[in-house]
Protein backbone atom coordinates (compact mmCIF):
# COMPACT_ATOMS: atom_id res chain seq x y z
CA MET A 1 108.48 98.78 70.62
CA ARG A 2 105.07 99.03 71.15
CA GLU A 3 104.34 102.38 69.80
CA ARG A 4 106.17 101.55 66.63
CA ILE A 5 103.68 98.59 66.13
CA LEU A 6 100.91 100.64 67.11
CA ASP A 7 102.10 103.65 64.52
CA TYR A 8 101.97 100.68 61.76
CA LEU A 9 98.47 99.24 62.72
CA ASN A 10 97.24 103.01 62.54
CA ARG A 11 98.44 103.64 59.00
CA SER A 12 97.60 100.03 57.88
CA SER A 13 93.88 100.22 56.50
CA GLU A 14 92.98 96.48 57.53
CA PRO A 15 93.98 94.05 59.90
CA LEU A 16 97.17 92.31 59.86
CA ARG A 17 98.60 89.29 60.80
CA ALA A 18 100.84 88.72 63.67
CA ASP A 19 104.08 87.41 61.32
CA ARG A 20 103.84 90.00 58.84
CA ILE A 21 103.52 92.96 61.86
CA LEU A 22 106.70 90.99 63.34
CA ARG A 23 108.78 91.17 59.84
CA ASP A 24 107.71 94.68 58.42
CA VAL A 25 107.96 96.35 61.91
CA LEU A 26 110.65 94.71 64.01
CA LYS A 27 112.29 92.67 61.14
CA ILE A 28 111.66 89.15 62.86
CA VAL A 29 110.94 86.14 60.66
CA SER A 30 108.78 83.67 62.65
CA PRO A 31 108.41 80.16 62.08
CA ASN A 32 104.66 79.74 61.81
CA VAL A 33 101.72 81.92 62.82
CA ILE A 34 101.45 80.69 65.78
CA ALA A 35 104.51 81.59 67.37
CA ALA A 36 104.48 85.11 65.67
CA ASP A 37 100.96 85.15 67.76
CA ARG A 38 102.41 84.21 70.48
CA ILE A 39 105.56 86.66 70.65
CA LEU A 40 103.40 89.69 69.50
CA GLY A 41 101.25 89.28 72.41
CA HIS A 42 103.91 88.86 74.95
CA ILE A 43 105.09 92.08 73.51
CA VAL A 44 101.71 93.61 73.71
CA GLY A 45 100.88 92.31 76.94
CA GLY A 46 97.29 93.28 77.28
CA ASP A 47 97.34 96.86 76.17
CA ALA A 48 94.26 97.75 75.71
CA ARG A 49 95.38 100.20 72.89
CA PHE A 50 95.79 96.52 70.27
CA ALA A 51 92.78 94.40 69.65
CA ARG A 52 92.90 90.84 68.29
CA ASP A 53 90.04 89.28 66.70
CA ALA A 54 88.97 85.57 66.18
CA THR A 55 90.74 84.84 63.20
CA GLY A 56 94.01 86.31 65.03
CA LEU A 57 94.11 89.31 63.14
CA TRP A 58 95.41 92.04 64.58
CA SER A 59 94.50 96.21 64.91
CA ALA A 60 94.57 99.65 66.51
CA ALA A 61 91.69 99.46 69.31
CA ALA A 62 89.49 102.47 68.94
CA PRO A 63 89.98 104.65 72.06
CA ARG A 64 87.09 104.84 75.13
CA ALA A 65 85.69 108.27 74.91
CA ALA A 66 86.67 110.58 77.57
CA PRO A 67 84.50 110.78 80.91
CA ASP A 68 81.36 112.86 80.32
CA LEU A 69 83.42 115.45 82.72
CA GLY A 70 84.21 118.06 79.93
CA PRO A 71 87.84 118.69 79.09
CA ALA A 72 90.03 116.18 81.59
CA ALA A 73 93.27 115.40 82.34
CA VAL A 74 94.02 112.25 84.10
CA LEU A 75 96.78 111.80 86.76
CA TYR A 76 98.74 109.23 87.62
CA LEU A 77 101.43 109.07 90.14
CA GLU A 78 103.59 105.90 91.02
CA ARG A 79 104.02 105.78 94.63
CA SER A 80 107.74 107.52 95.84
CA SER A 81 109.11 105.88 98.81
CA GLY A 82 111.89 108.33 99.54
CA ALA A 83 111.03 111.68 101.71
CA SER A 84 111.66 113.97 98.74
CA PRO A 85 108.99 114.02 95.63
CA LEU A 86 112.03 113.34 93.59
CA SER A 87 113.40 110.96 95.27
CA SER A 88 112.10 108.13 92.96
CA GLY A 89 109.21 106.97 90.78
CA ARG A 90 107.41 107.67 87.38
CA GLY A 91 104.19 109.39 86.58
CA ALA A 92 102.38 110.47 83.73
CA VAL A 93 99.39 113.07 82.76
CA TYR A 94 97.39 111.55 79.95
CA LEU A 95 94.59 113.47 77.69
CA PRO A 96 91.92 111.12 76.61
CA GLU A 97 90.14 113.14 74.22
CA ILE A 98 93.27 113.20 72.25
CA ASP A 99 94.51 109.77 73.23
CA ARG A 100 98.06 111.05 74.45
CA ALA A 101 100.52 110.32 77.48
CA PHE A 102 102.56 113.12 78.95
CA GLU A 103 105.58 110.53 80.83
CA PHE A 104 107.93 111.60 83.07
CA THR A 105 110.87 109.45 85.31
CA VAL A 106 112.24 111.54 88.35
CA GLY A 107 115.07 109.77 90.24
CA GLY A 108 116.76 113.10 91.77
CA VAL A 109 116.96 116.52 91.13
CA ALA A 110 117.77 116.95 87.39
CA GLU A 111 116.93 119.29 84.34
CA ALA A 112 115.40 116.50 82.39
CA PRO A 113 113.09 115.21 85.00
CA ALA A 114 112.33 118.96 85.96
CA ARG A 115 111.38 119.92 82.14
CA ALA A 116 109.64 116.74 81.76
CA VAL A 117 107.26 117.46 85.00
CA ALA A 118 107.02 120.88 83.69
CA SER A 119 105.38 119.70 80.40
CA ALA A 120 102.96 117.63 81.67
CA ARG A 121 101.84 120.46 84.02
CA ARG A 122 101.28 122.25 80.93
CA ALA A 123 99.46 119.52 79.15
CA ALA A 124 96.61 119.78 82.28
CA GLU A 125 96.33 123.03 82.17
CA GLY A 126 92.46 124.37 82.07
CA ARG A 127 91.02 120.70 82.58
CA ALA A 128 89.51 119.26 85.77
CA LEU A 129 92.25 116.63 87.12
CA LEU A 130 91.68 112.96 87.65
CA ALA A 131 93.59 110.88 90.16
CA TRP A 132 93.30 108.04 92.09
CA SER A 133 93.18 109.80 95.30
CA LEU A 134 93.43 113.51 96.59
CA ALA A 135 96.60 112.50 98.45
CA GLU A 136 98.03 111.89 95.02
CA ILE A 137 97.39 115.26 93.95
CA ARG A 138 99.08 116.83 96.72
CA HIS A 139 101.87 114.85 96.29
CA TRP A 140 102.14 116.18 92.32
CA ASN A 141 102.16 119.63 93.90
CA ARG A 142 105.13 118.93 96.11
CA LEU A 143 106.81 117.12 92.97
CA LEU A 144 105.79 120.26 91.14
CA ALA A 145 107.41 122.77 93.67
CA ALA A 146 110.43 120.72 93.65
CA CYS A 147 110.76 121.31 90.08
CA ARG A 148 109.67 124.82 90.51
CA ALA A 149 106.36 124.52 88.16
CA PRO A 150 103.44 126.22 89.11
CA ALA A 151 101.08 124.38 91.59
CA TRP A 152 98.18 122.88 90.86
CA ARG A 153 94.91 125.10 91.83
CA GLY A 154 92.46 123.70 89.31
CA GLU A 155 89.30 121.60 90.09
CA SER A 156 90.20 118.01 91.26
CA LEU A 157 88.19 114.34 91.49
CA SER A 158 89.20 111.42 93.16
CA ILE A 159 88.29 108.41 91.16
CA ALA A 160 88.51 106.25 94.30
CA ALA A 161 85.97 108.39 95.91
CA LEU A 162 83.70 107.75 92.69
CA ALA A 163 84.01 104.04 92.81
CA ALA A 164 83.39 104.15 96.19
CA ARG A 165 80.17 106.15 95.18
CA VAL A 166 79.18 103.96 92.58
CA LEU A 167 79.98 100.50 93.29
CA GLY A 168 79.96 100.60 97.16
CA ARG A 169 83.23 100.09 98.76
CA THR A 170 84.38 96.75 98.51
CA ARG A 171 87.79 96.95 101.42
CA ALA A 172 89.63 99.03 102.78
CA ARG A 173 92.30 99.30 100.56
CA VAL A 174 91.93 98.79 96.60
CA GLY A 175 93.80 100.52 93.36
CA PRO A 176 93.64 101.12 89.65
CA HIS A 177 94.27 97.43 89.02
CA ASP A 178 91.97 95.93 91.44
CA LEU A 179 89.18 98.52 89.96
CA ALA A 180 89.99 97.75 86.75
CA ALA A 181 89.58 93.77 87.05
CA ARG A 182 86.46 94.64 88.99
CA LEU A 183 85.58 96.49 85.88
CA ARG A 184 86.72 93.34 83.49
CA LEU A 185 89.29 95.89 82.09
CA GLN A 186 91.99 94.86 80.10
CA PRO A 187 94.94 95.06 82.54
CA ALA A 188 97.84 97.33 82.54
CA ASP A 189 101.86 96.73 82.49
CA PRO A 190 102.41 98.72 85.84
CA GLU A 191 106.08 99.89 84.64
CA ARG A 192 104.19 101.62 82.45
CA ALA A 193 102.84 104.66 83.73
CA ALA A 194 101.38 106.11 80.31
CA GLU A 195 99.44 102.85 80.22
CA VAL A 196 98.76 103.08 84.23
CA ALA A 197 97.11 106.46 83.65
CA ARG A 198 94.67 105.39 80.42
CA LEU A 199 93.41 102.53 82.57
CA VAL A 200 92.55 104.84 85.43
CA SER A 201 90.95 107.28 82.41
CA GLU A 202 88.90 103.68 80.84
CA CYS A 203 87.52 103.09 84.79
CA ALA A 204 86.34 106.87 85.28
CA THR A 205 84.85 106.27 81.77
CA LEU A 206 82.54 103.28 82.83
CA LEU A 207 82.28 104.75 86.24
CA VAL A 208 80.69 107.77 85.03
CA GLU A 209 78.00 105.48 83.11
CA GLY A 210 76.83 104.87 86.38
CA VAL A 211 76.19 108.00 87.83
CA PRO A 212 72.83 109.28 87.37
CA GLU A 213 72.26 111.79 84.58
CA GLU A 214 71.58 115.03 86.59
CA HIS A 215 74.48 114.34 88.28
CA ARG A 216 77.67 114.01 85.55
CA GLU A 217 78.52 117.87 85.06
CA PHE A 218 81.76 118.21 87.04
CA LEU A 219 80.34 119.99 90.40
CA ARG A 220 77.42 118.17 90.50
CA LEU A 221 79.60 114.91 90.62
CA ARG A 222 81.62 116.00 93.39
CA ARG A 223 78.39 117.17 95.58
CA TRP A 224 76.98 114.07 94.59
CA ILE A 225 80.00 111.91 95.96
CA GLU A 226 80.08 114.10 99.23
CA GLU A 227 76.78 113.21 99.60
CA GLY A 228 77.13 109.52 99.38
CA ARG A 229 80.06 109.77 102.20
CA LYS A 230 79.28 108.54 105.55
CA LYS A 231 80.39 111.08 108.33
CA VAL A 232 81.22 110.33 112.23
CA ASP A 233 77.75 112.10 113.98
CA PHE A 234 80.00 112.76 117.39
CA GLY A 235 77.01 114.00 119.22
CA ARG A 236 76.14 110.67 119.99
CA PHE A 237 79.13 109.78 121.74
CA GLY A 238 80.19 111.78 125.08
CA PHE A 239 83.53 113.28 123.93
CA GLY A 240 84.30 115.71 121.19
CA ARG A 241 87.10 115.63 118.39
CA GLU A 242 89.18 117.94 120.79
CA LEU A 243 89.55 114.40 122.93
CA LEU A 244 90.99 112.70 119.67
CA ARG A 245 93.54 115.91 119.56
CA ALA A 246 94.53 114.99 123.15
CA LEU A 247 95.91 111.73 122.46
CA PRO A 248 99.39 110.94 122.59
CA ALA A 249 102.22 109.35 120.33
CA SER A 250 103.12 106.81 122.93
CA PRO A 251 102.02 102.47 122.77
CA GLY A 252 99.09 102.15 125.08
CA VAL A 253 95.94 100.68 125.65
CA TYR A 254 92.32 102.09 124.93
CA LEU A 255 88.81 101.57 126.63
CA MET A 256 85.52 102.27 125.15
CA ARG A 257 82.70 102.03 127.36
CA ASN A 258 79.00 102.12 126.77
CA ARG A 259 76.57 104.49 128.92
CA ASP A 260 76.75 102.07 131.81
CA GLY A 261 80.14 101.99 131.98
CA GLU A 262 80.69 98.63 130.51
CA ALA A 263 83.74 98.08 128.20
CA VAL A 264 82.66 97.82 124.23
CA TYR A 265 86.07 97.45 123.28
CA VAL A 266 89.98 97.36 124.42
CA GLY A 267 92.75 97.50 121.88
CA LYS A 268 96.44 98.28 122.09
CA ALA A 269 98.36 101.04 119.97
CA ARG A 270 102.26 101.89 119.18
CA SER A 271 101.00 104.87 118.28
CA LEU A 272 97.63 105.75 120.34
CA LYS A 273 97.01 108.91 118.83
CA SER A 274 96.88 107.36 114.93
CA ARG A 275 95.17 104.32 116.13
CA VAL A 276 92.45 105.64 118.50
CA ARG A 277 91.63 108.05 115.47
CA SER A 278 91.28 105.49 112.67
CA TYR A 279 88.05 104.39 114.44
CA PHE A 280 86.58 107.74 113.43
CA THR A 281 87.23 108.12 109.85
CA ALA A 282 84.34 108.30 106.97
CA GLY A 283 85.75 104.65 105.76
CA ALA A 284 86.19 103.37 109.05
CA LEU A 285 82.19 103.60 108.91
CA ASP A 286 82.35 100.57 106.67
CA ASP A 287 83.70 98.22 109.13
CA PRO A 288 81.19 95.93 110.78
CA LYS A 289 83.24 95.95 113.98
CA VAL A 290 83.68 99.98 114.01
CA ALA A 291 79.85 100.66 113.55
CA ARG A 292 78.94 98.37 115.97
CA ILE A 293 81.98 99.85 118.47
CA HIS A 294 79.93 103.46 117.41
CA ALA A 295 76.12 102.11 117.69
CA GLU A 296 77.41 101.58 121.88
CA LEU A 297 79.82 104.22 122.63
CA ARG A 298 79.74 106.83 124.79
CA SER A 299 83.14 107.16 126.88
CA LEU A 300 86.57 106.76 125.83
CA GLU A 301 90.28 106.09 127.74
CA TRP A 302 93.70 105.33 127.48
CA ILE A 303 96.39 104.15 129.04
CA ALA A 304 99.92 105.07 128.01
CA THR A 305 102.72 102.76 128.55
CA ALA A 306 106.00 102.33 128.30
CA SER A 307 106.42 100.07 125.49
CA GLU A 308 104.40 97.95 123.02
CA LEU A 309 105.21 94.57 125.07
CA GLN A 310 103.54 96.10 127.66
CA ALA A 311 100.33 97.33 126.24
CA LEU A 312 100.25 94.03 124.55
CA LEU A 313 100.02 92.52 128.22
CA LEU A 314 98.40 94.62 129.75
CA GLU A 315 95.37 94.64 126.84
CA THR A 316 94.97 91.16 127.50
CA ARG A 317 94.90 91.46 131.34
CA LEU A 318 92.03 93.97 130.92
CA ILE A 319 90.21 91.71 127.90
CA ARG A 320 90.04 88.76 130.34
CA ARG A 321 89.05 91.10 133.34
CA LEU A 322 86.25 93.01 131.79
CA ARG A 323 85.06 90.83 128.62
CA PRO A 324 84.25 93.43 126.05
CA ALA A 325 81.42 92.35 123.97
CA VAL A 326 82.94 93.34 120.48
CA ASN A 327 86.47 91.90 120.93
CA LEU A 328 87.12 88.64 119.07
CA GLN A 329 90.38 87.41 121.14
CA ALA A 330 88.59 87.47 124.66
CA GLU A 331 89.70 84.08 125.05
CA VAL A 332 93.34 83.63 124.62
CA HIS A 333 94.70 80.16 123.22
CA GLU A 334 96.40 77.65 126.08
CA ALA A 335 99.06 76.94 124.10
CA PRO A 336 102.38 79.28 123.85
CA ALA A 337 103.77 80.43 120.77
CA GLY A 338 106.45 78.16 118.56
CA TYR A 339 108.86 80.89 118.26
CA ALA A 340 111.67 80.80 121.15
CA LYS A 341 110.44 77.82 122.68
CA THR A 342 114.05 75.98 123.51
CA ARG A 343 115.42 80.00 123.70
CA ASN A 344 116.70 81.33 127.37
CA LEU A 345 116.87 85.16 126.59
CA ILE A 346 117.29 88.42 128.41
CA LEU A 347 115.10 91.49 126.15
CA LEU A 348 116.12 94.57 126.87
CA VAL A 349 113.58 97.54 125.88
CA PRO A 350 114.41 101.13 127.32
CA HIS A 351 111.19 102.51 130.16
CA PRO A 352 110.67 105.95 130.82
CA PRO A 353 112.01 107.75 132.79
CA ALA A 354 114.77 108.22 130.28
CA ASP A 355 116.84 106.47 132.76
CA ARG A 356 115.58 103.30 132.84
CA ALA A 357 115.36 100.15 131.26
CA ARG A 358 113.16 97.11 131.25
CA ALA A 359 114.30 93.85 131.18
CA TYR A 360 112.24 90.59 130.42
CA PHE A 361 113.40 87.30 131.22
CA LEU A 362 112.60 84.11 128.85
CA ARG A 363 113.35 80.85 130.66
CA ASP A 364 113.15 77.84 127.90
CA GLY A 365 110.91 79.65 125.89
CA VAL A 366 108.51 80.53 128.84
CA PHE A 367 108.14 84.01 130.12
CA ALA A 368 109.96 83.78 133.29
CA GLY A 369 109.14 87.94 135.06
CA GLU A 370 110.55 91.36 134.20
CA PHE A 371 113.24 93.23 136.41
CA GLU A 372 113.73 97.25 136.15
CA ALA A 373 117.32 98.78 135.93
CA ARG A 374 119.18 101.94 135.63
CA LEU A 375 120.88 103.35 133.00
CA GLY A 376 124.59 104.73 133.08
CA ARG A 377 125.93 102.22 135.44
CA GLY A 378 126.11 98.55 135.29
CA PRO A 379 123.66 95.71 136.31
CA SER A 380 122.36 96.01 140.50
CA ARG A 381 122.83 92.96 142.48
CA ALA A 382 119.10 92.54 143.20
CA LEU A 383 119.27 92.33 138.88
CA GLU A 384 122.23 90.33 139.07
CA ARG A 385 120.99 87.75 141.74
CA ARG A 386 117.57 87.80 139.88
CA ILE A 387 119.20 86.54 136.71
CA ARG A 388 121.46 84.14 138.53
CA SER A 389 118.45 82.27 139.61
CA VAL A 390 116.43 81.97 136.62
CA TYR A 391 119.17 81.22 134.34
CA PHE A 392 121.83 79.60 136.16
CA GLY A 393 120.71 78.43 139.78
CA ARG A 394 121.00 74.62 140.59
CA ARG A 395 117.20 74.99 140.66
CA ALA A 396 116.87 77.52 138.21
CA ARG A 397 113.06 77.13 136.45
CA PRO A 398 110.79 79.79 134.96
CA ARG A 399 107.83 81.38 137.55
CA ALA A 400 104.57 79.98 137.23
CA ARG A 401 103.03 82.11 134.74
CA ALA A 402 99.79 81.85 132.88
CA ALA A 403 99.58 80.54 129.62
CA TRP A 404 98.37 83.55 128.16
CA GLU A 405 101.03 85.74 129.12
CA THR A 406 103.38 83.06 127.96
CA GLU A 407 102.04 82.77 124.24
CA ILE A 408 101.56 87.06 124.23
CA VAL A 409 105.56 87.52 124.85
CA GLY A 410 106.31 84.66 122.28
CA ARG A 411 104.12 86.38 119.37
CA TRP A 412 105.32 89.62 120.33
CA LEU A 413 109.02 88.24 120.18
CA ALA A 414 107.97 86.41 117.17
CA ALA A 415 106.74 89.29 115.22
CA ASN A 416 109.95 92.22 116.60
CA ARG A 417 112.99 89.99 117.09
CA ARG A 418 114.49 91.92 114.01
CA ARG A 419 114.21 95.47 115.99
CA VAL A 420 115.01 93.86 119.63
CA ASN A 421 117.75 94.04 121.99
CA PHE A 422 118.48 90.41 123.46
CA ILE A 423 121.25 88.79 124.97
CA ASP A 424 120.86 84.86 124.25
CA VAL A 425 121.44 83.16 127.24
CA ASP A 426 122.74 79.89 125.50
CA GLU A 427 125.32 81.62 123.45
CA ALA A 428 126.72 83.45 126.32
CA GLY A 429 127.45 80.53 128.36
CA SER A 430 128.00 81.86 131.96
CA SER A 431 126.75 84.56 134.26
CA ALA A 432 129.58 86.34 134.02
CA THR A 433 129.45 86.75 130.16
CA VAL A 434 125.73 87.70 130.83
CA LEU A 435 126.30 89.96 133.44
CA ALA A 436 129.63 91.76 131.11
CA LEU A 437 127.10 92.14 127.84
CA LEU A 438 124.34 93.38 130.09
CA ALA A 439 126.59 95.84 131.78
CA ARG A 440 127.34 97.40 128.16
CA TYR A 441 123.94 97.68 127.56
CA LEU A 442 123.04 99.69 130.67
CA ARG A 443 126.02 101.78 130.48
CA ASP A 444 125.45 103.37 127.16
CA PRO A 445 121.51 104.17 126.71
CA GLU A 446 122.50 105.06 122.80
CA ARG A 447 123.20 101.91 122.17
CA LEU A 448 120.17 100.20 123.42
CA THR A 449 117.65 102.90 121.86
CA ARG A 450 119.87 102.25 118.59
CA LYS A 451 117.77 99.29 117.95
CA VAL A 452 114.60 99.23 120.21
CA HIS A 453 112.28 102.83 119.28
CA TYR A 454 109.82 104.05 121.55
CA ARG A 455 108.03 107.30 121.93
CA PRO A 456 107.94 108.86 125.68
CA THR A 457 104.72 108.44 127.21
CA GLY A 458 101.80 110.89 127.62
CA SER A 459 99.59 111.37 130.43
CA ALA A 460 96.27 108.57 130.15
CA GLY A 461 93.60 110.55 129.14
CA ARG A 462 89.94 109.90 130.68
CA ASN A 463 86.89 111.35 129.44
């Protein structure tokens, strides 16, 4: 519909009223000019190819000049959520100099999407490829491989990196629409890949205007962007990248210390490998907290734990004991978390070695202790006695626990209640029913791990 209207305006020698455009192109008769203007504005939806002057007349907007990078093509890919490059999504390759976009939609391995992708690939041949990020170009190559099209081997440039160099990094995660808003460009319809690709091209045009003239040639521009990136200087630390490669993928706690051995920062992670490494990327240096850590950091240690909950409790104990300078949560609130205040629950979490599990007891929403159990058999007599004493004894009361432990467990439960196995003691009603449910979990380890996911514990590392 928009393309028909745009073609009509391009053939017109003068700006036109909205009611005439609707009547001639879409055969819509509007009761008045104001209503027609609203209808046309809704159809156009902020498309930068259309212009409306102060008198209410519509025309085709003059296309912006291409970025000063020689022949260029702009790639846009909607992020695909599936494992296969052809699982779902849409994309486009836009050629600014002729104002033409080659769109494609993928939703399964089919001949038509493959032809559209190959056509877009041919359109970009011999040009520099501008994409929002280098990750987008890698995804593009996976898509080309799935469609049996030649991989992209030409020059490429990240618009996000260019924006960070020209404008300065504003926040960690920003997208084309956020950048367009900052540059005061008309938004594009996110459902139309060609419009988003055209919007990225306009962003590139304005960004290149902010680059010194001597650096606007493509290769010089890339070098200029690289020179502006911050780099992590491992020479100032007492360890190198090899220590980061030794990090396990298990939950755990990490400690960052200064030259005097004092804790600068203590944190916890579901995956020590990914979390700790994130502190040593170029983008992380823009975070004031990370910059402060790097200014004092000398050594790095970590302690792997059996579960995220254990890591959370250990992190808080270490923060309260060591009082690291950078930690913001050194003072834990004394009020317990709101979730499960009146719930009596037994949480079940797998615990290395492979034949173990750990039960956490909540009595009236208060953390009342934990107990280790063996898998492949029913609950031990000691565990049975513990459950009866916590929940069913004549004077069953939770053991005294620090308020911060109560809060930490409550928060963790609130955040993870959809993926954690637990037994609701109130719903079970009796100790016999609770023990029967517990026995079903313990005797079937696969059933227990079906919902709670954890990684095997690695060895603790210490510099």
